[in-house]
Protein backbone atom coordinates (compact mmCIF):
# COMPACT_ATOMS: atom_id res chain seq x y z
CA GLY A 1 69.30 62.61 154.25
CA LYS A 2 71.70 59.87 153.70
CA ARG A 3 75.24 60.77 152.56
CA LEU A 4 76.66 58.63 149.84
CA GLY A 5 80.33 58.42 149.01
CA TRP A 6 81.46 60.29 152.10
CA ALA A 7 84.72 59.25 153.76
CA PRO A 8 86.82 61.09 156.30
CA ILE A 9 89.86 62.73 154.73
CA CYS A 10 92.00 62.56 157.85
CA ARG A 11 91.53 60.04 160.58
CA PRO A 12 92.94 60.81 164.01
CA GLY A 13 96.36 59.26 164.40
CA ARG A 14 96.68 58.64 160.69
CA LEU A 15 99.04 61.52 160.04
CA ALA A 16 101.90 62.04 162.45
CA ARG A 17 102.11 65.56 163.75
CA ARG A 18 105.47 67.13 162.91
CA MET A 19 107.47 67.99 165.96
CA ARG A 20 109.75 70.93 166.24
CA LEU A 21 113.30 69.64 165.81
CA TRP A 22 116.62 71.36 166.40
CA TYR A 23 119.88 70.91 164.52
CA CYS A 24 123.31 72.50 164.23
CA GLY A 25 124.66 74.28 161.21
CA SER A 26 126.72 71.83 159.15
CA ALA A 27 127.58 70.93 155.59
CA ALA A 28 124.85 68.24 155.71
CA ALA A 29 122.25 70.80 156.91
CA ASN A 30 123.34 73.28 154.23
CA SER A 31 122.88 70.60 151.60
CA TYR A 32 119.54 69.34 152.95
CA PHE A 33 118.01 72.83 153.18
CA HIS A 34 119.66 74.00 149.90
CA ILE A 35 121.62 76.79 151.57
CA SER A 36 124.22 78.47 149.41
CA ASP A 37 127.93 78.09 150.08
CA SER A 38 128.24 81.87 150.09
CA ASN A 39 126.03 82.18 153.20
CA PRO A 40 126.24 78.84 155.07
CA LEU A 41 124.68 78.03 158.43
CA ILE A 42 126.95 78.74 161.40
CA THR A 43 128.25 75.51 162.90
CA THR A 44 128.04 76.76 166.51
CA HIS A 45 124.37 77.87 166.20
CA CYS A 46 121.21 75.82 166.76
CA TYR A 47 118.45 76.07 164.16
CA THR A 48 114.89 74.76 164.27
CA THR A 49 112.48 73.21 161.81
CA SER A 50 108.98 71.80 162.01
CA SER A 51 108.66 71.17 158.29
CA SER A 52 111.14 68.28 158.13
CA GLY A 53 110.99 64.93 159.85
CA ARG A 54 113.66 63.36 162.03
CA LYS A 55 114.13 60.40 159.68
CA GLU A 56 114.68 62.59 156.61
CA LEU A 57 117.14 64.84 158.43
CA GLU A 58 119.13 61.98 159.95
CA GLU A 59 119.24 60.10 156.64
CA SER A 60 120.79 63.26 155.16
CA GLY A 61 123.49 63.29 157.83
CA VAL A 62 121.99 66.07 159.97
CA THR A 63 122.27 65.52 163.73
CA VAL A 64 118.87 66.19 165.31
CA PHE A 65 117.96 67.29 168.85
CA ASP A 66 114.52 67.24 170.51
CA SER A 67 114.82 70.61 172.25
CA GLU A 68 116.74 73.84 172.16
CA GLU A 69 118.21 72.99 175.57
CA SER A 70 119.65 69.70 174.29
CA CYS A 71 120.97 71.24 171.06
CA ALA A 72 124.72 71.29 171.62
CA CYS A 73 126.60 72.78 168.70
CA LEU A 74 130.20 72.66 169.77
CA PRO A 75 132.95 73.76 167.47
CA THR A 76 135.33 71.10 166.32
CA PRO A 77 138.41 71.50 168.49
CA PRO A 78 141.59 72.27 166.60
CA ALA A 79 144.10 69.51 166.24
CA PRO A 80 146.76 69.61 168.93
CA PRO A 81 150.06 71.11 167.81
CA PRO A 82 152.73 68.60 166.90
CA GLN A 83 155.03 67.71 169.75
CA PRO A 84 158.59 68.95 169.30
CA ALA A 85 161.08 66.24 168.48
CA ARG A 86 162.90 65.05 171.56
CA PRO A 87 166.65 65.00 171.45
CA PRO A 88 168.20 61.54 171.50
CA PRO A 89 169.15 60.25 174.95
CA PRO A 90 172.75 60.84 176.03
CA PRO A 91 175.15 58.01 175.32
CA GLN A 92 175.66 55.48 178.09
CA LYS A 93 179.44 55.52 177.68
CA ILE A 94 181.67 58.40 176.82
CA PHE A 95 184.92 57.80 175.00
CA PHE A 96 187.51 60.51 174.81
CA CYS A 97 191.11 61.05 173.98
CA GLY A 98 192.82 62.84 176.75
CA ARG A 99 196.12 63.22 178.52
CA PRO A 100 197.15 60.40 180.83
CA GLU A 101 197.38 62.80 183.79
CA ILE A 102 193.57 63.41 183.79
CA TRP A 103 192.57 59.76 183.42
CA PRO A 104 192.27 59.26 187.22
CA LEU A 105 189.53 61.93 187.26
CA PHE A 106 187.29 59.63 185.25
């Protein structure tokens, strides 16, 4: 028989297949995935998701990688220690009060 009112629910190519994406632990990732401050993601670890899209993650400030191999979660290097203050340069001329007998030495 003839089917009336039938339409395909999903057409090929209509819905984008979610890819597996990788990201580093960060404050933005904690916020996006609603992770508590008492047990945050580790900033030097890579995590994966296939339930979130690249656009949504990036718009939330999460840096996204396409593969585990490219996921580079490097710790933020500490600030360099402050340089010690250098002493002022020595004076170009030295003035002194001395005995006349040592003046020829200078």
